[in-house]
């Protein structure tokens, strides 16, 4: 017969063996788990001052970068002026319209911040039942103001 200590040692040995097989088996079954990027990081605790400062600084830099991408009032006025200048007749009631060719011309002149809005996809998204294949200048400008 085995002593109580020997039984505990044997039990611990078996537990460790099975645990390591189970833990190792999971990893070897699916290696893609190692390639999945980490997407959650816990918030720093109150006593982790350095991590809190790092988080605040990175957030501030992110917000500054996003802020620089936004169109300021002068750029919006310039965009409206260019759209108005390149409108395509005839008007529909009071609504000024622009065709794709003029839309691209405005996109070239509007500047780098506006370039993201002058795509075929956005033009097609705003294109409705116009017989001349044009979009409303006001609808496009509102789209830019909402998205930009």
Protein backbone atom coordinates (compact mmCIF):
# COMPACT_ATOMS: atom_id res chain seq x y z
CA UNK A 1 0.00 0.00 0.00
CA UNK A 2 1.08 3.58 -0.75
CA UNK A 3 1.30 6.22 1.90
CA UNK A 4 -0.96 9.25 1.88
CA UNK A 5 1.91 11.50 0.74
CA UNK A 6 2.75 9.17 -2.14
CA UNK A 7 -0.92 9.20 -3.25
CA UNK A 8 -0.97 13.02 -3.17
CA UNK A 9 2.29 13.18 -5.12
CA UNK A 10 0.96 10.73 -7.70
CA UNK A 11 -2.31 12.66 -7.97
CA UNK A 12 -0.40 15.93 -8.47
CA UNK A 13 1.81 14.29 -11.07
CA UNK A 14 -1.21 12.98 -13.01
CA UNK A 15 -2.98 16.30 -12.71
CA UNK A 16 0.08 18.15 -14.03
CA UNK A 17 0.48 15.65 -16.88
CA UNK A 18 -3.17 15.87 -17.98
CA UNK A 19 -3.26 19.63 -17.54
CA UNK A 20 -0.17 20.11 -19.69
CA UNK A 21 -1.57 17.78 -22.36
CA UNK A 22 -4.85 19.66 -22.35
CA UNK A 23 -3.17 23.08 -22.42
CA UNK A 24 -0.65 22.04 -25.05
CA UNK A 25 -3.26 20.15 -27.08
CA UNK A 26 -5.40 23.24 -27.48
CA UNK A 27 -2.50 25.24 -28.86
CA UNK A 28 -1.34 22.58 -31.29
CA UNK A 29 -4.89 22.00 -32.59
CA UNK A 30 -5.28 25.56 -33.78
CA UNK A 31 -2.16 27.62 -34.34
CA UNK A 32 -4.16 30.58 -35.64
CA UNK A 33 -4.82 31.67 -32.05
CA UNK A 34 -1.21 32.84 -31.94
CA UNK A 35 -1.86 35.10 -34.95
CA UNK A 36 -4.95 36.86 -33.60
CA UNK A 37 -3.99 40.38 -32.54
CA UNK A 38 -4.80 41.57 -29.07
CA UNK A 39 -7.72 43.99 -29.20
CA UNK A 40 -8.49 44.61 -25.56
CA UNK A 41 -6.22 46.24 -23.06
CA UNK A 42 -7.43 46.84 -19.54
CA UNK A 43 -7.65 50.41 -18.33
CA UNK A 44 -4.74 51.43 -16.10
CA UNK A 45 -5.43 51.39 -12.37
CA UNK A 46 -5.35 54.60 -10.33
CA UNK A 47 -1.92 53.80 -8.93
CA UNK A 48 -0.44 53.23 -12.43
CA UNK A 49 0.30 56.89 -13.06
CA UNK A 50 2.68 56.35 -15.98
CA UNK A 51 0.19 54.16 -17.86
CA UNK A 52 -2.58 56.70 -17.24
CA UNK A 53 -0.41 59.52 -18.61
CA UNK A 54 0.49 57.41 -21.65
CA UNK A 55 -3.20 56.72 -22.30
CA UNK A 56 -4.11 60.41 -21.99
CA UNK A 57 -1.28 61.47 -24.29
CA UNK A 58 -2.08 58.88 -26.96
CA UNK A 59 -5.76 59.88 -26.87
CA UNK A 60 -4.83 63.57 -27.24
CA UNK A 61 -2.57 62.83 -30.22
CA UNK A 62 -5.30 60.73 -31.85
CA UNK A 63 -7.88 63.52 -31.41
CA UNK A 64 -5.46 66.12 -32.79
CA UNK A 65 -4.83 63.99 -35.88
CA UNK A 66 -8.58 63.52 -36.46
CA UNK A 67 -9.15 67.24 -35.93
CA UNK A 68 -6.59 68.13 -38.63
CA UNK A 69 -8.51 65.94 -41.09
CA UNK A 70 -11.72 67.95 -40.62
CA UNK A 71 -12.56 70.75 -43.01
CA UNK A 72 -12.47 74.19 -41.46
CA UNK A 73 -14.95 76.96 -42.24
CA UNK A 74 -12.79 78.52 -44.96
CA UNK A 75 -12.33 75.18 -46.73
CA UNK A 76 -16.08 74.53 -46.61
CA UNK A 77 -16.76 77.98 -48.09
CA UNK A 78 -14.21 77.31 -50.84
CA UNK A 79 -15.84 73.96 -51.59
CA UNK A 80 -19.29 75.56 -51.82
CA UNK A 81 -17.92 78.29 -54.12
CA UNK A 82 -16.33 75.67 -56.43
CA UNK A 83 -19.47 73.54 -56.51
CA UNK A 84 -21.62 76.58 -57.29
CA UNK A 85 -19.21 77.72 -60.01
CA UNK A 86 -19.26 74.31 -61.72
CA UNK A 87 -22.98 73.59 -61.54
CA UNK A 88 -24.55 71.96 -64.58
CA UNK A 89 -27.73 73.43 -66.04
CA UNK A 90 -30.68 73.09 -66.15
CA UNK A 91 -31.61 73.59 -62.50
CA UNK A 92 -34.43 71.55 -61.03
CA UNK A 93 -36.60 74.23 -59.48
CA UNK A 94 -34.26 75.96 -57.03
CA UNK A 95 -31.89 72.98 -56.82
CA UNK A 96 -28.43 73.40 -58.37
CA UNK A 97 -27.06 70.20 -59.94
CA UNK A 98 -23.62 68.97 -61.02
CA UNK A 99 -22.63 66.25 -63.47
CA UNK A 100 -19.81 63.74 -62.96
CA UNK A 101 -17.33 65.55 -65.22
CA UNK A 102 -17.67 68.83 -63.29
CA UNK A 103 -17.75 66.89 -60.02
CA UNK A 104 -14.26 65.55 -60.84
CA UNK A 105 -13.04 69.04 -61.81
CA UNK A 106 -14.17 70.40 -58.43
CA UNK A 107 -12.44 67.43 -56.75
CA UNK A 108 -9.12 68.39 -58.37
CA UNK A 109 -9.41 72.03 -57.31
CA UNK A 110 -10.84 71.51 -53.82
CA UNK A 111 -7.64 70.40 -52.11
CA UNK A 112 -6.25 67.30 -50.42
CA UNK A 113 -8.65 67.22 -47.47
CA UNK A 114 -11.65 67.10 -49.82
CA UNK A 115 -10.21 64.44 -52.12
CA UNK A 116 -11.80 61.59 -50.13
CA UNK A 117 -15.29 62.87 -51.01
CA UNK A 118 -14.84 63.01 -54.77
CA UNK A 119 -15.17 59.35 -55.66
CA UNK A 120 -17.41 57.55 -58.12
CA UNK A 121 -18.92 55.60 -55.24
CA UNK A 122 -20.09 58.74 -53.42
CA UNK A 123 -21.38 60.27 -56.66
CA UNK A 124 -23.36 57.09 -57.37
CA UNK A 125 -24.68 57.00 -53.81
CA UNK A 126 -26.12 60.52 -54.21
CA UNK A 127 -27.35 59.98 -57.78
CA UNK A 128 -31.12 59.69 -57.96
CA UNK A 129 -33.56 59.89 -60.85
CA UNK A 130 -32.01 62.85 -62.67
CA UNK A 131 -32.47 62.43 -66.45
CA UNK A 132 -29.06 64.07 -67.07
CA UNK A 133 -27.11 61.90 -64.61
CA UNK A 134 -26.40 64.70 -62.12
CA UNK A 135 -26.45 65.02 -58.35
CA UNK A 136 -27.72 67.83 -56.17
CA UNK A 137 -24.96 70.20 -55.06
CA UNK A 138 -26.78 70.81 -51.77
CA UNK A 139 -27.11 67.08 -51.05
CA UNK A 140 -23.39 66.55 -51.76
CA UNK A 141 -22.37 69.50 -49.60
CA UNK A 142 -24.54 68.22 -46.73
CA UNK A 143 -22.95 64.79 -47.14
CA UNK A 144 -19.46 66.34 -46.85
CA UNK A 145 -20.48 68.30 -43.76
CA UNK A 146 -21.90 65.17 -42.07
CA UNK A 147 -19.01 62.86 -42.95
CA UNK A 148 -16.14 65.32 -42.75
